[in-house]
Amino acid sequence: MNNIFAIADKELRSYFSSPTAYVIIGLFAVLFGFFYTAILDFFVKQSMQLQQFQMGPSSVNINLQLIRPLLSNASVVALFVLPMITMRTYSEEKRSGTIELLLTSPITDLEIILGKFLGALGLYSLMLLVTTPYIMILFIYGEPEFSPILVGYLGLLLMGGSFISIGLLISSFTKNQIVAGMITFATLLLLWVLNWLSSFGGPTTQAVVSYLSITQHFDDFAIGVLDTKHVIYYLSFITFGLFLTAKSVDSERWRG
């Protein structure tokens, strides 16, 4: 475990040793803030209209009408941002030639992969942490429910972990960071629209494709519903992605 945390710490520090982490966190915070302001403005106007035309305050639900679309938009931002985090994990090691030193060190492939995964997940967690002041403002001026928000952020974390596992796999294929980032984004986008494509198939195809869709499992998290089948799906997705990464790294070791 010490080796895993040492690699994770090294990865996290490497992000902050260059402008990468600051740009990514800043970009995520700005985009989240933009969606927050736009949705909040629409929510306030809608609330005033409802109160003006016979509907009382009880008809307004902050969690469903404000936080749900906000977290859904945050997941879209993560789709664009996370490939920028994962594209360098293995590609940079290959480009700089340090991959040989890493593979010949007394550290197992599993420790390397988990360390890199936790490092990238740590940066993503900081991105989510930066958005919490926006949510805290809602508690000052409103009365949202806390537990659904916590579930929603758990969904974002699990979905982000799935994105990162795919990004690690693709980064292990190439020396070029840009290529790794573009292929990762294209792959994640395909998984994102998978649910839309299910409408062109039969009932069985729709059921299978809908289950494989990475967004389909986030919908319940966004409304504050914690369902174990969605948690199992994301954990299985992460495990499978890391397993394929291990096989890719293992083949690199044999080629070396």
Protein backbone atom coordinates (compact mmCIF):
# COMPACT_ATOMS: atom_id res chain seq x y z
CA MET A 1 0.00 0.00 0.00
CA ASN A 2 2.89 2.35 0.72
CA ASN A 3 4.10 2.01 -2.87
CA ILE A 4 0.61 2.78 -4.20
CA PHE A 5 0.26 5.92 -2.11
CA ALA A 6 3.82 6.99 -2.97
CA ILE A 7 3.06 6.74 -6.70
CA ALA A 8 -0.30 8.50 -6.21
CA ASP A 9 1.44 11.32 -4.34
CA LYS A 10 4.08 11.59 -7.07
CA GLU A 11 1.39 11.72 -9.78
CA LEU A 12 -0.62 14.36 -7.93
CA ARG A 13 2.47 16.49 -7.34
CA SER A 14 3.45 16.20 -11.01
CA TYR A 15 0.12 17.75 -12.02
CA PHE A 16 0.81 20.77 -9.82
CA SER A 17 4.45 21.07 -10.90
CA SER A 18 3.14 22.42 -14.21
CA PRO A 19 0.16 24.64 -15.09
CA THR A 20 -1.89 21.50 -15.93
CA ALA A 21 -3.69 21.13 -12.60
CA TYR A 22 -4.35 24.86 -12.19
CA VAL A 23 -5.74 25.19 -15.72
CA ILE A 24 -7.94 22.10 -15.40
CA ILE A 25 -9.30 23.02 -11.97
CA GLY A 26 -9.84 26.63 -13.04
CA LEU A 27 -11.61 25.58 -16.24
CA PHE A 28 -13.86 23.18 -14.35
CA ALA A 29 -14.69 25.81 -11.71
CA VAL A 30 -15.50 28.47 -14.33
CA LEU A 31 -17.74 26.16 -16.36
CA PHE A 32 -19.46 24.89 -13.22
CA GLY A 33 -19.97 28.48 -12.10
CA PHE A 34 -21.46 29.41 -15.48
CA PHE A 35 -24.00 26.59 -15.35
CA TYR A 36 -24.69 27.35 -11.68
CA THR A 37 -25.46 31.00 -12.44
CA ALA A 38 -27.61 30.19 -15.49
CA ILE A 39 -29.64 27.48 -13.74
CA LEU A 40 -29.99 29.54 -10.56
CA ASP A 41 -31.27 32.52 -12.54
CA PHE A 42 -33.84 30.34 -14.31
CA PHE A 43 -34.82 28.73 -10.99
CA VAL A 44 -35.39 32.10 -9.28
CA LYS A 45 -37.51 33.40 -12.17
CA GLN A 46 -39.55 30.20 -12.23
CA SER A 47 -40.07 30.32 -8.46
CA MET A 48 -41.30 33.93 -8.63
CA GLN A 49 -43.74 33.04 -11.41
CA LEU A 50 -45.10 30.06 -9.50
CA GLN A 51 -45.62 32.14 -6.36
CA GLN A 52 -47.28 34.85 -8.41
CA PHE A 53 -49.73 32.45 -10.07
CA GLN A 54 -51.35 30.61 -7.15
CA MET A 55 -48.50 28.12 -6.47
CA GLY A 56 -46.82 28.34 -3.06
CA PRO A 57 -43.20 27.78 -2.02
CA SER A 58 -43.92 24.06 -1.50
CA SER A 59 -44.12 23.61 -5.27
CA VAL A 60 -40.45 24.56 -5.62
CA ASN A 61 -37.85 21.83 -5.05
CA ILE A 62 -34.24 23.03 -5.03
CA ASN A 63 -32.79 19.55 -5.30
CA LEU A 64 -34.82 18.49 -8.35
CA GLN A 65 -35.11 21.79 -10.18
CA LEU A 66 -31.66 23.26 -9.51
CA ILE A 67 -29.13 20.76 -8.21
CA ARG A 68 -30.15 17.88 -10.49
CA PRO A 69 -29.55 19.78 -13.77
CA LEU A 70 -26.44 21.36 -12.26
CA LEU A 71 -24.86 17.98 -11.49
CA SER A 72 -25.90 16.65 -14.89
CA ASN A 73 -24.12 19.55 -16.56
CA ALA A 74 -21.09 18.95 -14.30
CA SER A 75 -20.91 15.39 -15.62
CA VAL A 76 -20.79 16.77 -19.17
CA VAL A 77 -17.94 19.09 -18.20
CA ALA A 78 -16.09 16.11 -16.70
CA LEU A 79 -16.44 14.33 -20.05
CA PHE A 80 -14.42 17.11 -21.68
CA VAL A 81 -11.95 17.77 -18.86
CA LEU A 82 -10.90 14.32 -17.63
CA PRO A 83 -9.15 13.26 -20.87
CA MET A 84 -6.77 16.18 -20.23
CA ILE A 85 -5.87 14.60 -16.89
CA THR A 86 -5.37 11.02 -18.05
CA MET A 87 -3.67 11.66 -21.40
CA ARG A 88 -0.25 12.13 -19.79
CA THR A 89 -0.31 9.25 -17.27
CA TYR A 90 1.53 6.69 -19.42
CA SER A 91 2.13 8.67 -22.62
CA GLU A 92 4.52 11.06 -20.86
CA GLU A 93 6.40 8.12 -19.30
CA LYS A 94 6.85 6.59 -22.76
CA ARG A 95 7.85 9.88 -24.40
CA SER A 96 10.44 10.73 -21.76
CA GLY A 97 11.79 7.17 -21.59
CA THR A 98 11.06 6.76 -17.86
CA ILE A 99 8.64 3.91 -18.54
CA GLU A 100 11.58 1.46 -18.69
CA LEU A 101 12.80 2.57 -15.26
CA LEU A 102 9.28 2.27 -13.89
CA LEU A 103 8.74 -1.22 -15.28
CA THR A 104 12.09 -2.51 -14.06
CA SER A 105 11.69 -1.08 -10.55
CA PRO A 106 10.73 -3.39 -7.64
CA ILE A 107 7.09 -2.29 -7.92
CA THR A 108 4.32 -4.44 -9.32
CA ASP A 109 2.22 -3.39 -12.30
CA LEU A 110 -0.85 -3.34 -10.06
CA GLU A 111 0.79 -0.88 -7.66
CA ILE A 112 1.80 1.38 -10.55
CA ILE A 113 -1.68 1.34 -12.07
CA LEU A 114 -3.51 1.90 -8.79
CA GLY A 115 -1.09 4.67 -7.87
CA LYS A 116 -1.64 6.49 -11.16
CA PHE A 117 -5.39 5.95 -10.89
CA LEU A 118 -5.55 7.35 -7.36
CA GLY A 119 -3.36 10.30 -8.37
CA ALA A 120 -5.71 11.24 -11.21
CA LEU A 121 -8.76 10.58 -9.01
CA GLY A 122 -7.24 12.82 -6.35
CA LEU A 123 -7.01 15.70 -8.80
CA TYR A 124 -10.58 15.09 -9.92
CA SER A 125 -11.69 15.07 -6.27
CA LEU A 126 -10.06 18.49 -5.83
CA MET A 127 -12.01 19.70 -8.87
CA LEU A 128 -15.26 18.61 -7.22
CA LEU A 129 -14.18 20.13 -3.91
CA VAL A 130 -13.72 23.53 -5.58
CA THR A 131 -17.42 23.51 -6.55
CA THR A 132 -18.71 23.05 -2.99
CA PRO A 133 -18.84 26.82 -2.18
CA TYR A 134 -21.50 27.17 -4.88
CA ILE A 135 -23.59 24.53 -3.11
CA MET A 136 -23.02 26.09 0.31
CA ILE A 137 -24.56 29.34 -0.92
CA LEU A 138 -27.82 27.45 -1.48
CA PHE A 139 -27.91 26.47 2.19
CA ILE A 140 -27.55 30.12 3.18
CA TYR A 141 -30.50 31.33 1.11
CA GLY A 142 -32.54 28.13 0.79
CA GLU A 143 -33.25 24.76 2.36
CA PRO A 144 -31.96 22.01 0.04
CA GLU A 145 -31.67 18.44 1.29
CA PHE A 146 -28.08 17.50 2.07
CA SER A 147 -28.14 13.72 1.53
CA PRO A 148 -29.29 13.86 -2.14
CA ILE A 149 -26.47 16.33 -2.84
CA LEU A 150 -23.98 13.93 -1.24
CA VAL A 151 -25.33 11.08 -3.37
CA GLY A 152 -25.05 13.25 -6.48
CA TYR A 153 -21.40 14.03 -5.77
CA LEU A 154 -20.75 10.33 -5.14
CA GLY A 155 -22.20 9.67 -8.59
CA LEU A 156 -19.89 12.27 -10.12
CA LEU A 157 -16.92 10.68 -8.35
CA LEU A 158 -17.80 7.16 -9.52
CA MET A 159 -18.46 8.31 -13.08
CA GLY A 160 -15.19 10.24 -13.06
CA GLY A 161 -13.37 7.13 -11.83
CA SER A 162 -14.81 5.21 -14.78
CA PHE A 163 -13.61 7.92 -17.17
CA ILE A 164 -10.14 7.83 -15.60
CA SER A 165 -9.85 4.04 -15.91
CA ILE A 166 -10.55 4.31 -19.65
CA GLY A 167 -8.12 7.22 -19.96
CA LEU A 168 -5.35 5.19 -18.29
CA LEU A 169 -5.93 2.32 -20.69
CA ILE A 170 -5.76 4.50 -23.79
CA SER A 171 -2.75 6.44 -22.49
CA SER A 172 -0.87 3.14 -22.16
CA PHE A 173 -1.21 2.58 -25.93
CA THR A 174 0.66 5.62 -27.26
CA LYS A 175 3.54 8.01 -26.64
CA ASN A 176 1.57 11.02 -27.89
CA GLN A 177 -0.44 12.82 -25.20
CA ILE A 178 -2.66 14.63 -27.71
CA VAL A 179 -3.56 11.39 -29.47
CA ALA A 180 -4.30 9.74 -26.11
CA GLY A 181 -6.53 12.65 -25.09
CA MET A 182 -8.46 12.70 -28.37
CA ILE A 183 -9.04 8.94 -28.43
CA THR A 184 -10.09 8.99 -24.77
CA PHE A 185 -12.61 11.76 -25.45
CA ALA A 186 -13.97 9.93 -28.51
CA THR A 187 -14.35 6.71 -26.52
CA LEU A 188 -16.07 8.43 -23.61
CA LEU A 189 -18.36 10.29 -26.01
CA LEU A 190 -19.35 6.98 -27.61
CA LEU A 191 -20.18 5.54 -24.18
CA TRP A 192 -22.08 8.76 -23.44
CA VAL A 193 -24.39 8.53 -26.48
CA LEU A 194 -24.80 4.77 -26.24
CA ASN A 195 -28.22 5.18 -24.67
CA TRP A 196 -29.39 7.28 -27.61
CA LEU A 197 -28.32 4.59 -30.06
CA SER A 198 -30.41 1.97 -28.24
CA SER A 199 -33.57 3.49 -29.74
CA PHE A 200 -32.61 2.01 -33.12
CA GLY A 201 -32.63 -1.59 -31.85
CA GLY A 202 -35.14 -4.09 -30.52
CA PRO A 203 -36.26 -4.48 -26.90
CA THR A 204 -33.39 -6.82 -25.99
CA THR A 205 -30.82 -4.59 -27.67
CA GLN A 206 -32.26 -1.54 -25.95
CA ALA A 207 -32.07 -3.20 -22.54
CA VAL A 208 -28.44 -4.29 -23.03
CA VAL A 209 -27.25 -1.01 -24.53
CA SER A 210 -29.07 1.04 -21.89
CA TYR A 211 -27.36 -0.94 -19.16
CA LEU A 212 -23.95 -0.38 -20.77
CA SER A 213 -24.60 3.36 -21.14
CA ILE A 214 -22.47 5.23 -18.64
CA THR A 215 -24.97 8.09 -18.35
CA GLN A 216 -27.99 5.90 -17.71
CA HIS A 217 -26.57 4.91 -14.33
CA PHE A 218 -25.90 8.51 -13.30
CA ASP A 219 -29.52 9.66 -13.57
CA ASP A 220 -30.54 8.20 -10.20
CA PHE A 221 -27.48 9.72 -8.51
CA ALA A 222 -28.44 13.13 -9.91
CA ILE A 223 -31.84 13.01 -8.18
CA GLY A 224 -30.32 11.74 -4.94
CA VAL A 225 -31.23 8.05 -5.24
CA LEU A 226 -28.49 5.66 -4.10
CA ASP A 227 -29.03 2.33 -5.87
CA THR A 228 -26.48 -0.44 -5.32
CA LYS A 229 -26.81 -1.68 -8.90
CA HIS A 230 -25.45 1.64 -10.18
CA VAL A 231 -22.61 1.58 -7.65
CA ILE A 232 -21.75 -1.99 -8.70
CA TYR A 233 -21.84 -0.97 -12.36
CA TYR A 234 -19.34 1.88 -11.89
CA LEU A 235 -17.04 -0.17 -9.64
CA SER A 236 -17.12 -3.02 -12.17
CA PHE A 237 -16.41 -0.56 -14.98
CA ILE A 238 -13.42 0.85 -13.09
CA THR A 239 -12.11 -2.63 -12.26
CA PHE A 240 -12.43 -3.78 -15.88
CA GLY A 241 -10.69 -0.65 -17.17
CA LEU A 242 -7.80 -1.08 -14.73
CA PHE A 243 -7.60 -4.80 -15.60
CA LEU A 244 -7.21 -4.00 -19.30
CA THR A 245 -4.61 -1.36 -18.41
CA ALA A 246 -2.68 -4.01 -16.45
CA LYS A 247 -2.70 -6.29 -19.49
CA SER A 248 -1.50 -3.44 -21.69
CA VAL A 249 1.32 -2.54 -19.29
CA ASP A 250 2.24 -6.22 -18.96
CA SER A 251 2.60 -6.51 -22.74
CA GLU A 252 4.80 -3.40 -22.67
CA ARG A 253 7.01 -5.10 -20.09
CA TRP A 254 7.39 -8.18 -22.29
CA ARG A 255 8.13 -6.07 -25.38
CA GLY A 256 10.77 -4.20 -23.36
